[in-house]
């Protein structure tokens, strides 16, 4: 069962690794944006929730925004320009994913921001969380599992014929038929 899970995980990782590599390289020439928007009303007040995934200049930005409108009609939201539901857009030229994200990269290109505001005069409030990661880190992450599964399999295949099938101990000169390392029967008596 464990081997089957690792094999399926490796297969998925092998698909995601080149996909993220293509996304990473392509982000230097164009930007992709995938987002979802939903709105909920409670009386005269409304809440807009937005999840966003943007690529640009070798980075990937995840953002979750929630806006609260205390009164009708103030939302900085235009339903014709920003429809609710799923939306995918592609832009020519790389997008600056660090736009409005402070601090700039903290460590090896990773960074993020958390904001919260409540402006009763304007009638709005909101929360925003943003995480920016370099695309190379996703490519490396998805490459790790197939490599971690493949190396032990290659080592098992390369074992000498005089090695124990169970632990790999060298049995050259062993006449007892039992591995002294793990106790496995090595030949039929």
C-alpha atoms as a PDB file:
ATOM      1  CA  UNK A   1       0.000   0.000   0.000  1.00  0.00           C
ATOM      2  CA  UNK A   2       2.788   2.402   0.925  1.00  0.00           C
ATOM      3  CA  UNK A   3       4.609   1.720  -2.338  1.00  0.00           C
ATOM      4  CA  UNK A   4       1.405   2.324  -4.327  1.00  0.00           C
ATOM      5  CA  UNK A   5       0.848   5.700  -2.611  1.00  0.00           C
ATOM      6  CA  UNK A   6       4.462   6.700  -3.303  1.00  0.00           C
ATOM      7  CA  UNK A   7       4.123   5.612  -6.941  1.00  0.00           C
ATOM      8  CA  UNK A   8       0.934   7.635  -7.427  1.00  0.00           C
ATOM      9  CA  UNK A   9       2.484  10.617  -5.634  1.00  0.00           C
ATOM     10  CA  UNK A  10       5.573  10.345  -7.836  1.00  0.00           C
ATOM     11  CA  UNK A  11       3.447  10.220 -10.982  1.00  0.00           C
ATOM     12  CA  UNK A  12       1.536  13.347  -9.928  1.00  0.00           C
ATOM     13  CA  UNK A  13       4.804  15.072  -9.021  1.00  0.00           C
ATOM     14  CA  UNK A  14       6.294  14.125 -12.396  1.00  0.00           C
ATOM     15  CA  UNK A  15       3.355  15.867 -14.074  1.00  0.00           C
ATOM     16  CA  UNK A  16       3.496  18.947 -11.831  1.00  0.00           C
ATOM     17  CA  UNK A  17       7.287  19.395 -11.999  1.00  0.00           C
ATOM     18  CA  UNK A  18       7.475  20.233 -15.739  1.00  0.00           C
ATOM     19  CA  UNK A  19       4.202  22.184 -15.490  1.00  0.00           C
ATOM     20  CA  UNK A  20       5.659  24.467 -12.810  1.00  0.00           C
ATOM     21  CA  UNK A  21       8.927  24.721 -14.749  1.00  0.00           C
ATOM     22  CA  UNK A  22       6.985  25.920 -17.820  1.00  0.00           C
ATOM     23  CA  UNK A  23       5.027  28.343 -15.614  1.00  0.00           C
ATOM     24  CA  UNK A  24       8.271  29.601 -14.080  1.00  0.00           C
ATOM     25  CA  UNK A  25      10.047  30.201 -17.404  1.00  0.00           C
ATOM     26  CA  UNK A  26       6.932  31.641 -19.049  1.00  0.00           C
ATOM     27  CA  UNK A  27       6.397  34.104 -16.196  1.00  0.00           C
ATOM     28  CA  UNK A  28       9.360  36.145 -17.445  1.00  0.00           C
ATOM     29  CA  UNK A  29       7.493  36.961 -20.695  1.00  0.00           C
ATOM     30  CA  UNK A  30       3.842  36.917 -19.702  1.00  0.00           C
ATOM     31  CA  UNK A  31       1.653  36.812 -16.609  1.00  0.00           C
ATOM     32  CA  UNK A  32      -1.281  34.569 -15.787  1.00  0.00           C
ATOM     33  CA  UNK A  33      -4.004  35.315 -13.274  1.00  0.00           C
ATOM     34  CA  UNK A  34      -6.588  32.901 -11.917  1.00  0.00           C
ATOM     35  CA  UNK A  35      -9.062  34.216  -9.373  1.00  0.00           C
ATOM     36  CA  UNK A  36     -12.410  33.515  -7.770  1.00  0.00           C
ATOM     37  CA  UNK A  37     -14.809  36.102  -6.388  1.00  0.00           C
ATOM     38  CA  UNK A  38     -17.893  35.573  -4.288  1.00  0.00           C
ATOM     39  CA  UNK A  39     -20.314  37.988  -2.658  1.00  0.00           C
ATOM     40  CA  UNK A  40     -22.618  37.527   0.334  1.00  0.00           C
ATOM     41  CA  UNK A  41     -25.282  39.963   1.569  1.00  0.00           C
ATOM     42  CA  UNK A  42     -26.516  40.393   5.149  1.00  0.00           C
ATOM     43  CA  UNK A  43     -29.247  43.009   5.110  1.00  0.00           C
ATOM     44  CA  UNK A  44     -27.748  46.173   3.594  1.00  0.00           C
ATOM     45  CA  UNK A  45     -24.171  45.076   4.270  1.00  0.00           C
ATOM     46  CA  UNK A  46     -22.175  42.965   1.839  1.00  0.00           C
ATOM     47  CA  UNK A  47     -18.993  40.897   1.901  1.00  0.00           C
ATOM     48  CA  UNK A  48     -16.798  40.247  -1.116  1.00  0.00           C
ATOM     49  CA  UNK A  49     -14.276  37.396  -0.922  1.00  0.00           C
ATOM     50  CA  UNK A  50     -11.507  37.015  -3.473  1.00  0.00           C
ATOM     51  CA  UNK A  51      -8.853  34.319  -3.950  1.00  0.00           C
ATOM     52  CA  UNK A  52      -6.115  35.131  -6.435  1.00  0.00           C
ATOM     53  CA  UNK A  53      -3.164  33.305  -8.023  1.00  0.00           C
ATOM     54  CA  UNK A  54      -0.817  35.438 -10.171  1.00  0.00           C
ATOM     55  CA  UNK A  55       2.513  34.649 -11.865  1.00  0.00           C
ATOM     56  CA  UNK A  56       5.167  37.113 -12.955  1.00  0.00           C
ATOM     57  CA  UNK A  57       8.944  37.552 -13.132  1.00  0.00           C
ATOM     58  CA  UNK A  58       9.643  34.074 -11.767  1.00  0.00           C
ATOM     59  CA  UNK A  59       7.284  34.395  -8.788  1.00  0.00           C
ATOM     60  CA  UNK A  60       3.887  33.068  -7.789  1.00  0.00           C
ATOM     61  CA  UNK A  61       1.551  35.159  -5.632  1.00  0.00           C
ATOM     62  CA  UNK A  62      -1.306  33.693  -3.591  1.00  0.00           C
ATOM     63  CA  UNK A  63      -3.720  36.243  -2.162  1.00  0.00           C
ATOM     64  CA  UNK A  64      -6.920  36.049  -0.148  1.00  0.00           C
ATOM     65  CA  UNK A  65      -8.891  39.270   0.243  1.00  0.00           C
ATOM     66  CA  UNK A  66     -12.130  39.924   2.096  1.00  0.00           C
ATOM     67  CA  UNK A  67     -13.912  43.269   1.816  1.00  0.00           C
ATOM     68  CA  UNK A  68     -16.853  44.396   3.956  1.00  0.00           C
ATOM     69  CA  UNK A  69     -19.178  47.180   2.864  1.00  0.00           C
ATOM     70  CA  UNK A  70     -21.167  48.784   5.716  1.00  0.00           C
ATOM     71  CA  UNK A  71     -23.640  50.491   3.444  1.00  0.00           C
ATOM     72  CA  UNK A  72     -25.166  49.954   0.021  1.00  0.00           C
ATOM     73  CA  UNK A  73     -23.308  51.027  -3.061  1.00  0.00           C
ATOM     74  CA  UNK A  74     -19.857  51.911  -1.763  1.00  0.00           C
ATOM     75  CA  UNK A  75     -17.980  48.782  -2.835  1.00  0.00           C
ATOM     76  CA  UNK A  76     -14.971  49.524  -5.021  1.00  0.00           C
ATOM     77  CA  UNK A  77     -16.272  46.656  -7.129  1.00  0.00           C
ATOM     78  CA  UNK A  78     -17.761  46.786 -10.611  1.00  0.00           C
ATOM     79  CA  UNK A  79     -19.712  43.599 -11.500  1.00  0.00           C
ATOM     80  CA  UNK A  80     -19.297  44.262 -15.228  1.00  0.00           C
ATOM     81  CA  UNK A  81     -15.494  44.535 -15.004  1.00  0.00           C
ATOM     82  CA  UNK A  82     -14.997  42.009 -12.175  1.00  0.00           C
ATOM     83  CA  UNK A  83     -17.656  39.280 -12.502  1.00  0.00           C
ATOM     84  CA  UNK A  84     -18.280  36.875  -9.640  1.00  0.00           C
ATOM     85  CA  UNK A  85     -17.036  33.292  -9.927  1.00  0.00           C
ATOM     86  CA  UNK A  86     -13.928  31.942 -11.647  1.00  0.00           C
ATOM     87  CA  UNK A  87     -11.881  34.037 -14.046  1.00  0.00           C
ATOM     88  CA  UNK A  88      -8.638  33.471 -15.948  1.00  0.00           C
ATOM     89  CA  UNK A  89      -6.661  36.256 -17.604  1.00  0.00           C
ATOM     90  CA  UNK A  90      -3.329  36.346 -19.451  1.00  0.00           C
ATOM     91  CA  UNK A  91      -1.259  39.512 -19.745  1.00  0.00           C
ATOM     92  CA  UNK A  92       1.526  40.315 -22.192  1.00  0.00           C
ATOM     93  CA  UNK A  93       4.689  41.167 -20.314  1.00  0.00           C
ATOM     94  CA  UNK A  94       5.600  40.109 -16.770  1.00  0.00           C
ATOM     95  CA  UNK A  95       3.460  41.353 -13.890  1.00  0.00           C
ATOM     96  CA  UNK A  96       5.150  42.677 -10.762  1.00  0.00           C
ATOM     97  CA  UNK A  97       3.871  40.260  -8.116  1.00  0.00           C
ATOM     98  CA  UNK A  98       5.589  42.326  -5.417  1.00  0.00           C
ATOM     99  CA  UNK A  99       3.216  45.214  -6.118  1.00  0.00           C
ATOM    100  CA  UNK A 100       1.691  46.280  -2.778  1.00  0.00           C
ATOM    101  CA  UNK A 101       3.504  43.507  -0.902  1.00  0.00           C
ATOM    102  CA  UNK A 102       5.755  44.669   1.923  1.00  0.00           C
ATOM    103  CA  UNK A 103       8.211  43.649   3.084  1.00  0.00           C
ATOM    104  CA  UNK A 104       9.979  42.703  -0.113  1.00  0.00           C
ATOM    105  CA  UNK A 105      11.513  39.195  -0.260  1.00  0.00           C
ATOM    106  CA  UNK A 106      12.415  38.003   3.222  1.00  0.00           C
ATOM    107  CA  UNK A 107      14.489  34.913   2.496  1.00  0.00           C
ATOM    108  CA  UNK A 108      15.487  33.389  -0.867  1.00  0.00           C
ATOM    109  CA  UNK A 109      12.652  35.210  -2.618  1.00  0.00           C
ATOM    110  CA  UNK A 110       9.881  34.292  -0.161  1.00  0.00           C
ATOM    111  CA  UNK A 111       7.709  37.031   1.283  1.00  0.00           C
ATOM    112  CA  UNK A 112       4.225  37.994   2.308  1.00  0.00           C
ATOM    113  CA  UNK A 113       1.909  40.535   3.836  1.00  0.00           C
ATOM    114  CA  UNK A 114      -1.088  40.637   6.159  1.00  0.00           C
ATOM    115  CA  UNK A 115      -3.369  43.684   6.263  1.00  0.00           C
ATOM    116  CA  UNK A 116      -6.525  44.572   8.109  1.00  0.00           C
ATOM    117  CA  UNK A 117      -8.440  47.841   7.969  1.00  0.00           C
ATOM    118  CA  UNK A 118     -11.703  49.300   9.175  1.00  0.00           C
ATOM    119  CA  UNK A 119     -12.665  52.740   7.861  1.00  0.00           C
ATOM    120  CA  UNK A 120     -16.157  53.646   9.133  1.00  0.00           C
ATOM    121  CA  UNK A 121     -16.078  57.056   7.432  1.00  0.00           C
ATOM    122  CA  UNK A 122     -15.750  55.458   4.018  1.00  0.00           C
ATOM    123  CA  UNK A 123     -18.007  52.595   5.080  1.00  0.00           C
ATOM    124  CA  UNK A 124     -15.586  49.790   4.349  1.00  0.00           C
ATOM    125  CA  UNK A 125     -13.412  47.239   6.090  1.00  0.00           C
ATOM    126  CA  UNK A 126     -11.327  44.333   4.989  1.00  0.00           C
ATOM    127  CA  UNK A 127      -8.589  41.789   5.467  1.00  0.00           C
ATOM    128  CA  UNK A 128      -5.904  40.766   3.044  1.00  0.00           C
ATOM    129  CA  UNK A 129      -3.278  38.018   3.191  1.00  0.00           C
ATOM    130  CA  UNK A 130      -0.636  37.606   0.499  1.00  0.00           C
ATOM    131  CA  UNK A 131       2.128  35.025   0.081  1.00  0.00           C
ATOM    132  CA  UNK A 132       4.779  35.314  -2.639  1.00  0.00           C
ATOM    133  CA  UNK A 133       7.053  32.382  -3.451  1.00  0.00           C
ATOM    134  CA  UNK A 134       9.606  31.834  -6.211  1.00  0.00           C
ATOM    135  CA  UNK A 135       8.486  29.358  -8.882  1.00  0.00           C
ATOM    136  CA  UNK A 136      11.780  27.468  -8.666  1.00  0.00           C
ATOM    137  CA  UNK A 137      10.825  26.319  -5.166  1.00  0.00           C
ATOM    138  CA  UNK A 138       7.667  24.622  -6.483  1.00  0.00           C
ATOM    139  CA  UNK A 139       9.622  22.964  -9.285  1.00  0.00           C
ATOM    140  CA  UNK A 140      12.176  21.682  -6.765  1.00  0.00           C
ATOM    141  CA  UNK A 141       9.419  20.496  -4.414  1.00  0.00           C
ATOM    142  CA  UNK A 142       7.664  18.525  -7.157  1.00  0.00           C
ATOM    143  CA  UNK A 143      10.990  17.061  -8.347  1.00  0.00           C
ATOM    144  CA  UNK A 144      11.889  15.805  -4.858  1.00  0.00           C
ATOM    145  CA  UNK A 145       9.406  12.915  -4.490  1.00  0.00           C
ATOM    146  CA  UNK A 146      10.188  11.177  -7.807  1.00  0.00           C
ATOM    147  CA  UNK A 147      13.909  11.445  -7.070  1.00  0.00           C
ATOM    148  CA  UNK A 148      13.443  10.173  -3.503  1.00  0.00           C
ATOM    149  CA  UNK A 149      11.489   7.156  -4.779  1.00  0.00           C
ATOM    150  CA  UNK A 150      13.715   6.417  -7.787  1.00  0.00           C
ATOM    151  CA  UNK A 151      17.122   6.381  -6.071  1.00  0.00           C
ATOM    152  CA  UNK A 152      16.307   3.511  -3.642  1.00  0.00           C
ATOM    153  CA  UNK A 153      14.678   1.557  -6.493  1.00  0.00           C
ATOM    154  CA  UNK A 154      17.852   1.892  -8.577  1.00  0.00           C
ATOM    155  CA  UNK A 155      19.975   0.824  -5.624  1.00  0.00           C
ATOM    156  CA  UNK A 156      17.793  -2.259  -5.104  1.00  0.00           C
ATOM    157  CA  UNK A 157      18.109  -3.161  -8.798  1.00  0.00           C
ATOM    158  CA  UNK A 158      21.910  -2.801  -8.783  1.00  0.00           C
ATOM    159  CA  UNK A 159      22.488  -5.129  -5.786  1.00  0.00           C
ATOM    160  CA  UNK A 160      24.977  -7.946  -6.316  1.00  0.00           C
ATOM    161  CA  UNK A 161      23.706 -11.495  -6.672  1.00  0.00           C
ATOM    162  CA  UNK A 162      25.557 -12.343  -3.440  1.00  0.00           C
ATOM    163  CA  UNK A 163      23.599  -9.723  -1.477  1.00  0.00           C
ATOM    164  CA  UNK A 164      20.711 -10.408   0.868  1.00  0.00           C
ATOM    165  CA  UNK A 165      17.369  -9.664  -0.831  1.00  0.00           C
ATOM    166  CA  UNK A 166      16.015  -8.076   2.313  1.00  0.00           C
ATOM    167  CA  UNK A 167      18.785  -5.868   3.720  1.00  0.00           C
ATOM    168  CA  UNK A 168      21.526  -5.873   1.051  1.00  0.00           C
ATOM    169  CA  UNK A 169      24.202  -7.417   3.320  1.00  0.00           C
ATOM    170  CA  UNK A 170      27.088  -9.030   1.389  1.00  0.00           C
ATOM    171  CA  UNK A 171      26.686 -12.822   1.733  1.00  0.00           C
ATOM    172  CA  UNK A 172      29.850 -13.836  -0.169  1.00  0.00           C
ATOM    173  CA  UNK A 173      31.272 -16.910   1.554  1.00  0.00           C
ATOM    174  CA  UNK A 174      28.139 -17.512   3.670  1.00  0.00           C
ATOM    175  CA  UNK A 175      27.259 -21.226   3.697  1.00  0.00           C
ATOM    176  CA  UNK A 176      24.605 -21.227   6.436  1.00  0.00           C
ATOM    177  CA  UNK A 177      21.756 -20.083   4.153  1.00  0.00           C
ATOM    178  CA  UNK A 178      20.706 -17.389   6.657  1.00  0.00           C
ATOM    179  CA  UNK A 179      21.663 -13.711   6.533  1.00  0.00           C
ATOM    180  CA  UNK A 180      23.689 -12.884   9.679  1.00  0.00           C
ATOM    181  CA  UNK A 181      22.485  -9.248   9.517  1.00  0.00           C
ATOM    182  CA  UNK A 182      18.683  -9.646   9.393  1.00  0.00           C
ATOM    183  CA  UNK A 183      18.052 -13.417   9.748  1.00  0.00           C
ATOM    184  CA  UNK A 184      16.319 -13.810   6.347  1.00  0.00           C
ATOM    185  CA  UNK A 185      16.491 -17.231   4.695  1.00  0.00           C
ATOM    186  CA  UNK A 186      18.775 -16.752   1.673  1.00  0.00           C
ATOM    187  CA  UNK A 187      18.354 -20.092  -0.105  1.00  0.00           C
ATOM    188  CA  UNK A 188      16.172 -23.150  -0.052  1.00  0.00           C
ATOM    189  CA  UNK A 189      17.467 -25.993   2.167  1.00  0.00           C
END
